[in-house]
Amino acid sequence: MERDSAAEYFLSLLDDAASVILSDPLRQVVPVCSYTVRNEEELHIDQSLKAIFDTRPGEGGGPDERQTVSSPIGVVELSEMLLDCHECESWLQRNGNTVVGQGSSKPLFLFVVDRIGQDGSFFSMQEMAFFDKWLKGLHLDARRECHYTSVIKCPSGADFIFPGCEAILARQIDLLRPKVVVMLGSAGCFVTTGDGDIFKARGKVHEYHGCPVVCSFSPTQVLADYAALRRPVWEDLKLAAKVAGTLDRIG
């Protein structure tokens, strides 16, 4: 069979390998997969923030470098909780890129997005560039003062939040003990208040597992409706800064 490129040929070999591993030479069980090979758009992103998301668990690493969770024990515990969870079919989408969290082990801010991407990222390149502007406006050190995670822990398009995801998030908060948790998106708003209506939840300080929480819109939502959401999300971030004790950094 002719292949359009070396990349396509390599990816076809991965499909063949999957069929062999699953003892399914007729491809009756192996799910249909599609692949996209593309160049990421060049966007200006602060290198300290980019380094956090470019570093995989176990790489790099003196005490001043990115740490995945609060301690080696915490890393193992959270990883085991994730690996042991099979409450929904999303566990089938886990891969070598899937991580529970990234960032400082002693954060002032814990940013929680709705879900993790298939590539292990919490933000797309465009979202990360936008999020970087937020951090600069708050005068936060992305590496030393922030931690990043998701409500839905496995890569998937699922909207339903299973108890396993909430249990891992709650344990993360127990280990990290941030000054403030910022829920960016409807899923985080739902686990905090029992309602996914961000308009109703924003502008207030809530509590989730003993930590103060501010609910706001995700970078995805703001980019989709910039004119309407730009000011509200900035007010929410300033509220979070007030809770964390960093409001005086904002000029």
Protein backbone atom coordinates (compact mmCIF):
# COMPACT_ATOMS: atom_id res chain seq x y z
CA MET A 1 0.00 0.00 0.00
CA GLU A 2 1.39 3.41 -0.91
CA ARG A 3 1.86 5.99 1.80
CA ASP A 4 1.72 9.75 1.35
CA SER A 5 4.55 10.38 3.77
CA ALA A 6 6.94 8.79 6.21
CA ALA A 7 4.82 10.11 9.08
CA GLU A 8 1.68 8.44 7.70
CA TYR A 9 3.58 5.20 7.25
CA PHE A 10 4.85 5.33 10.83
CA LEU A 11 1.35 5.98 12.19
CA SER A 12 -0.02 3.08 10.17
CA LEU A 13 2.55 0.86 11.87
CA LEU A 14 1.15 1.97 15.22
CA ASP A 15 -2.29 0.82 14.13
CA ASP A 16 -0.83 -2.52 13.02
CA ALA A 17 0.94 -2.90 16.37
CA ALA A 18 -2.29 -2.20 18.25
CA SER A 19 -4.12 -4.91 16.32
CA VAL A 20 -1.36 -7.42 17.12
CA ILE A 21 -1.27 -6.52 20.83
CA LEU A 22 -5.04 -6.92 21.06
CA SER A 23 -4.94 -10.19 19.06
CA ASP A 24 -7.25 -8.62 16.53
CA PRO A 25 -5.66 -9.08 13.08
CA LEU A 26 -8.99 -8.43 11.34
CA ARG A 27 -9.34 -5.06 13.09
CA GLN A 28 -12.71 -5.97 14.57
CA VAL A 29 -11.94 -4.53 18.00
CA VAL A 30 -9.30 -1.89 17.40
CA PRO A 31 -11.04 1.50 17.35
CA VAL A 32 -10.70 3.65 14.28
CA CYS A 33 -8.04 6.30 14.85
CA SER A 34 -7.23 9.47 12.95
CA TYR A 35 -3.96 11.36 13.13
CA THR A 36 -3.05 14.93 12.39
CA VAL A 37 0.52 16.06 11.86
CA ARG A 38 0.80 19.83 11.98
CA ASN A 39 3.04 22.67 13.02
CA GLU A 40 1.93 24.63 16.09
CA GLU A 41 1.20 28.30 15.52
CA GLU A 42 4.06 30.44 16.78
CA LEU A 43 2.72 32.40 19.73
CA HIS A 44 4.59 34.43 22.28
CA ILE A 45 4.46 32.64 25.61
CA ASP A 46 6.58 33.43 28.63
CA GLN A 47 9.33 30.81 28.79
CA SER A 48 8.81 30.10 32.50
CA LEU A 49 5.19 29.15 31.81
CA LYS A 50 6.04 27.21 28.65
CA ALA A 51 8.70 25.25 30.53
CA ILE A 52 6.12 23.97 32.99
CA PHE A 53 3.95 22.42 30.32
CA ASP A 54 6.85 21.24 28.16
CA THR A 55 8.39 19.27 31.03
CA ARG A 56 7.08 15.78 31.53
CA PRO A 57 6.93 14.13 34.97
CA GLY A 58 10.31 12.83 36.07
CA GLU A 59 12.29 15.20 33.85
CA GLY A 60 14.42 18.10 34.94
CA GLY A 61 14.55 18.73 38.39
CA GLY A 62 16.36 20.41 41.26
CA PRO A 63 14.32 21.82 44.14
CA ASP A 64 13.75 25.07 42.22
CA GLU A 65 12.47 23.33 39.09
CA ARG A 66 8.92 22.28 38.30
CA GLN A 67 7.50 19.75 40.76
CA THR A 68 4.44 17.73 39.89
CA VAL A 69 2.80 17.51 43.30
CA SER A 70 3.63 18.37 46.90
CA SER A 71 5.89 15.42 47.66
CA PRO A 72 7.12 12.12 46.17
CA ILE A 73 4.53 10.36 48.33
CA GLY A 74 1.83 12.63 46.90
CA VAL A 75 2.93 11.92 43.34
CA VAL A 76 2.70 8.18 43.87
CA GLU A 77 -0.61 8.40 45.72
CA LEU A 78 -2.33 10.56 43.11
CA SER A 79 -0.95 8.49 40.24
CA GLU A 80 -2.20 5.31 41.86
CA MET A 81 -5.63 6.87 42.43
CA LEU A 82 -5.80 7.71 38.74
CA LEU A 83 -4.58 4.30 37.57
CA ASP A 84 -7.00 2.49 39.89
CA CYS A 85 -10.01 4.49 38.68
CA HIS A 86 -12.18 2.71 36.09
CA GLU A 87 -15.54 4.35 36.82
CA CYS A 88 -16.09 5.40 33.21
CA GLU A 89 -14.73 4.52 29.78
CA SER A 90 -12.48 7.59 29.72
CA TRP A 91 -9.69 5.54 31.33
CA LEU A 92 -9.23 3.92 27.91
CA GLN A 93 -8.00 7.30 26.62
CA ARG A 94 -5.12 7.53 29.09
CA ASN A 95 -1.67 7.54 27.58
CA GLY A 96 1.91 8.34 28.46
CA ASN A 97 1.14 12.07 28.37
CA THR A 98 -1.63 11.94 30.98
CA VAL A 99 -0.65 13.75 34.19
CA VAL A 100 -2.61 14.58 37.33
CA GLY A 101 -1.16 18.06 37.78
CA GLN A 102 1.73 20.37 36.98
CA GLY A 103 3.39 23.28 38.73
CA SER A 104 4.64 24.40 42.11
CA SER A 105 4.49 22.05 45.07
CA LYS A 106 3.55 24.97 47.34
CA PRO A 107 1.30 27.15 45.18
CA LEU A 108 -0.50 30.33 46.05
CA PHE A 109 -2.92 29.68 43.16
CA LEU A 110 -4.32 26.34 42.03
CA PHE A 111 -5.85 26.77 38.57
CA VAL A 112 -8.36 24.06 37.65
CA VAL A 113 -9.60 23.71 34.07
CA ASP A 114 -12.40 21.41 32.93
CA ARG A 115 -10.33 18.66 31.31
CA ILE A 116 -6.88 17.56 30.20
CA GLY A 117 -6.03 17.24 26.52
CA GLN A 118 -5.05 14.06 24.71
CA ASP A 119 -1.48 15.41 24.54
CA GLY A 120 -1.35 15.93 28.31
CA SER A 121 -1.87 19.69 28.14
CA PHE A 122 -4.26 21.78 30.19
CA PHE A 123 -4.27 24.57 27.59
CA SER A 124 -3.94 24.75 23.82
CA MET A 125 -1.13 26.94 22.50
CA GLN A 126 -3.55 29.82 21.91
CA GLU A 127 -5.15 29.41 25.34
CA MET A 128 -1.73 29.25 26.99
CA ALA A 129 -0.68 32.51 25.35
CA PHE A 130 -3.87 34.14 26.63
CA PHE A 131 -3.47 32.62 30.10
CA ASP A 132 0.09 33.94 30.18
CA LYS A 133 -1.32 37.48 29.92
CA TRP A 134 -3.47 36.80 32.98
CA LEU A 135 -0.46 35.67 35.00
CA LYS A 136 1.52 38.73 33.94
CA GLY A 137 -1.37 40.98 34.94
CA LEU A 138 -1.49 39.29 38.34
CA HIS A 139 2.33 39.46 38.64
CA LEU A 140 2.50 35.77 39.49
CA ASP A 141 5.51 33.52 39.04
CA ALA A 142 4.14 30.72 36.87
CA ARG A 143 6.65 28.19 38.15
CA ARG A 144 6.92 28.96 41.86
CA GLU A 145 3.46 30.24 42.74
CA CYS A 146 1.00 28.32 40.53
CA HIS A 147 -0.19 24.76 40.06
CA TYR A 148 -2.42 23.49 37.23
CA THR A 149 -4.83 20.59 37.06
CA SER A 150 -8.20 19.54 35.65
CA VAL A 151 -11.53 18.37 37.03
CA ILE A 152 -11.92 15.53 34.51
CA LYS A 153 -8.67 13.62 34.85
CA CYS A 154 -8.60 11.43 31.74
CA PRO A 155 -8.45 12.77 28.16
CA SER A 156 -11.99 12.58 26.82
CA GLY A 157 -14.90 14.62 25.56
CA ALA A 158 -17.07 13.49 28.46
CA ASP A 159 -19.04 16.13 30.33
CA PHE A 160 -20.18 13.92 33.21
CA ILE A 161 -18.00 14.22 36.33
CA PHE A 162 -17.56 10.89 38.09
CA PRO A 163 -16.77 10.60 41.82
CA GLY A 164 -13.31 9.26 40.99
CA CYS A 165 -12.33 12.57 39.39
CA GLU A 166 -13.62 14.53 42.36
CA ALA A 167 -11.78 12.28 44.80
CA ILE A 168 -8.45 12.90 43.06
CA LEU A 169 -9.06 16.65 42.89
CA ALA A 170 -9.97 16.74 46.58
CA ARG A 171 -6.79 14.86 47.48
CA GLN A 172 -4.73 17.24 45.34
CA ILE A 173 -6.14 20.17 47.29
CA ASP A 174 -5.35 18.40 50.57
CA LEU A 175 -1.73 17.90 49.48
CA LEU A 176 -1.14 21.31 47.89
CA ARG A 177 -3.13 23.53 50.28
CA PRO A 178 -3.12 26.55 47.95
CA LYS A 179 -4.10 30.00 49.17
CA VAL A 180 -6.90 30.02 46.58
CA VAL A 181 -8.38 27.64 44.03
CA VAL A 182 -9.48 29.22 40.75
CA MET A 183 -12.01 27.07 38.90
CA LEU A 184 -11.79 27.97 35.21
CA GLY A 185 -14.84 26.56 33.48
CA SER A 186 -18.24 24.98 34.05
CA ALA A 187 -16.98 21.65 35.45
CA GLY A 188 -15.08 23.34 38.27
CA CYS A 189 -18.03 25.58 38.95
CA PHE A 190 -20.26 22.51 39.19
CA VAL A 191 -18.09 20.57 41.66
CA THR A 192 -17.80 23.68 43.82
CA THR A 193 -21.40 24.86 43.90
CA GLY A 194 -23.47 21.99 42.48
CA ASP A 195 -24.40 24.26 39.58
CA GLY A 196 -22.47 24.89 36.38
CA ASP A 197 -23.77 28.45 36.01
CA ILE A 198 -20.59 30.55 36.15
CA PHE A 199 -22.52 33.81 35.88
CA LYS A 200 -24.29 32.93 39.12
CA ALA A 201 -21.19 31.64 40.93
CA ARG A 202 -18.63 34.27 39.93
CA GLY A 203 -17.88 37.32 42.06
CA LYS A 204 -18.10 35.31 45.29
CA VAL A 205 -15.69 33.31 47.41
CA HIS A 206 -16.80 29.71 47.82
CA GLU A 207 -15.23 26.82 49.72
CA TYR A 208 -14.21 23.40 48.48
CA HIS A 209 -12.49 20.88 50.76
CA GLY A 210 -11.36 23.56 53.16
CA CYS A 211 -9.91 25.96 50.55
CA PRO A 212 -11.37 29.24 49.29
CA VAL A 213 -12.52 29.01 45.68
CA VAL A 214 -13.20 31.60 43.01
CA CYS A 215 -15.15 30.44 39.95
CA SER A 216 -14.62 32.07 36.57
CA PHE A 217 -14.51 31.47 32.84
CA SER A 218 -11.88 29.38 31.09
CA PRO A 219 -9.51 30.86 28.49
CA THR A 220 -11.52 28.96 25.86
CA GLN A 221 -14.75 30.66 26.90
CA VAL A 222 -13.15 34.10 27.07
CA LEU A 223 -11.55 33.74 23.64
CA ALA A 224 -14.95 32.73 22.23
CA ASP A 225 -16.65 35.87 23.61
CA TYR A 226 -13.82 38.25 24.41
CA ALA A 227 -15.83 41.48 24.46
CA ALA A 228 -18.36 40.19 26.97
CA LEU A 229 -16.14 38.13 29.27
CA ARG A 230 -12.82 39.99 29.34
CA ARG A 231 -13.78 42.35 32.18
CA PRO A 232 -15.69 39.82 34.34
CA VAL A 233 -12.82 37.31 34.29
CA TRP A 234 -10.31 39.99 35.24
CA GLU A 235 -12.50 41.01 38.19
CA ASP A 236 -12.65 37.36 39.25
CA LEU A 237 -8.86 37.04 39.05
CA LYS A 238 -8.45 40.16 41.17
CA LEU A 239 -10.83 38.64 43.72
CA ALA A 240 -8.66 35.52 43.77
CA ALA A 241 -5.57 37.72 44.25
CA LYS A 242 -7.26 39.41 47.19
CA VAL A 243 -7.96 36.01 48.77
CA ALA A 244 -4.36 34.88 48.14
CA GLY A 245 -2.94 38.11 49.55
CA THR A 246 -1.31 39.24 46.30
CA LEU A 247 -3.70 42.03 45.29
CA ASP A 248 -1.10 44.68 46.16
CA ARG A 249 1.05 43.45 43.24
CA ILE A 250 -1.50 44.69 40.72
CA GLY A 251 -0.86 48.27 39.63
